[in-house]
Protein backbone atom coordinates (compact mmCIF):
# COMPACT_ATOMS: atom_id res chain seq x y z
CA MET A 1 -149.86 208.52 -6.87
CA VAL A 2 -146.56 208.26 -8.79
CA THR A 3 -146.42 206.32 -12.07
CA ALA A 4 -143.09 205.37 -13.65
CA ILE A 5 -143.10 206.01 -17.41
CA GLY A 6 -139.59 205.84 -18.90
CA GLU A 7 -140.62 206.84 -22.45
CA GLN A 8 -138.75 209.02 -24.90
CA ILE A 9 -140.57 212.31 -25.60
CA GLN A 10 -140.18 215.43 -27.72
CA VAL A 11 -139.32 218.58 -25.80
CA CYS A 12 -138.94 222.21 -26.82
CA ALA A 13 -136.36 223.80 -24.52
CA HIS A 14 -134.42 227.01 -24.29
CA PHE A 15 -130.68 226.69 -23.55
CA SER A 16 -129.17 229.85 -22.04
CA GLU A 17 -126.01 230.59 -20.05
CA GLY A 18 -125.40 226.91 -19.28
CA ARG A 19 -128.96 226.23 -18.11
CA ILE A 20 -131.86 224.35 -19.68
CA PHE A 21 -135.42 225.67 -19.63
CA PRO A 22 -138.04 223.17 -20.90
CA LEU A 23 -141.01 225.02 -22.43
CA TRP A 24 -143.34 222.25 -23.61
CA PHE A 25 -143.31 218.53 -24.41
CA ILE A 26 -145.23 216.05 -26.52
CA TRP A 27 -146.28 212.73 -25.03
CA HIS A 28 -148.69 210.32 -26.77
CA ASP A 29 -149.44 212.90 -29.49
CA ARG A 30 -150.53 215.50 -26.93
CA CYS A 31 -148.71 218.77 -26.27
CA TYR A 32 -148.21 219.85 -22.64
CA LYS A 33 -147.20 223.47 -22.00
CA ILE A 34 -144.99 223.84 -18.94
CA SER A 35 -146.23 226.49 -16.54
CA SER A 36 -143.39 226.15 -14.03
CA ILE A 37 -140.37 224.10 -13.06
CA THR A 38 -140.66 223.21 -9.37
CA SER A 39 -137.21 221.66 -9.01
CA ARG A 40 -134.17 220.62 -11.03
CA TRP A 41 -131.26 218.29 -10.30
CA SER A 42 -128.70 216.17 -12.13
CA THR A 43 -127.48 212.58 -11.87
CA GLN A 44 -124.64 210.63 -13.48
CA GLU A 45 -125.10 207.53 -15.65
CA GLY A 46 -121.56 206.49 -16.51
CA ARG A 47 -120.05 209.36 -18.51
CA ALA A 48 -123.47 210.87 -19.20
CA CYS A 49 -125.12 213.55 -17.16
CA CYS A 50 -128.89 213.39 -16.80
CA TYR A 51 -130.66 216.66 -16.11
CA HIS A 52 -133.99 216.20 -14.33
CA PHE A 53 -136.87 218.68 -14.12
CA SER A 54 -140.10 218.53 -12.13
CA ALA A 55 -142.59 220.36 -14.32
CA LEU A 56 -146.14 221.53 -13.75
CA THR A 57 -148.27 221.95 -16.86
CA THR A 58 -151.11 224.31 -17.66
CA GLU A 59 -153.37 221.43 -18.83
CA THR A 60 -153.32 219.12 -15.79
CA CYS A 61 -152.79 219.10 -12.04
CA GLU A 62 -149.99 216.56 -12.43
CA LEU A 63 -146.26 216.86 -11.91
CA TYR A 64 -144.08 215.46 -14.70
CA GLU A 65 -140.44 214.48 -14.28
CA LEU A 66 -138.56 215.20 -17.49
CA CYS A 67 -135.00 214.02 -18.03
CA TYR A 68 -132.45 215.20 -20.61
CA HIS A 69 -129.71 212.62 -21.26
CA SER A 70 -126.48 214.36 -22.35
CA GLU A 71 -124.90 211.36 -24.16
CA GLN A 72 -128.00 210.38 -26.13
CA LEU A 73 -129.10 214.00 -26.63
CA SER A 74 -132.63 212.77 -25.87
CA TRP A 75 -135.47 213.62 -23.54
CA PHE A 76 -137.42 211.11 -21.47
CA LEU A 77 -140.54 211.27 -19.35
CA ALA A 78 -139.38 209.51 -16.20
CA GLN A 79 -142.58 209.62 -14.15
CA VAL A 80 -145.89 211.35 -13.54
CA ALA A 81 -147.25 212.25 -10.10
CA GLY A 82 -150.91 213.12 -9.74
CA GLU A 83 -154.15 212.52 -7.95
CA GLY A 84 -155.33 209.62 -10.15
């Protein structure tokens, strides 16, 4: 089941050689450590580029779609896909 979220979140990420590597994020006062990125892609919103990441966490069996918005310099949790 996929649930749309669309909330701003805090993310710790490593930026290296023009790539972004999310490491963990905080959503609703809970920290989720990212165990792997299963896919990444980008979209355009006007002049802004949005970098999307499908992330698996060590705490749950859910897949989280994180989005970094280049104009706002902000991270968002776009959606969550899981069994529940």
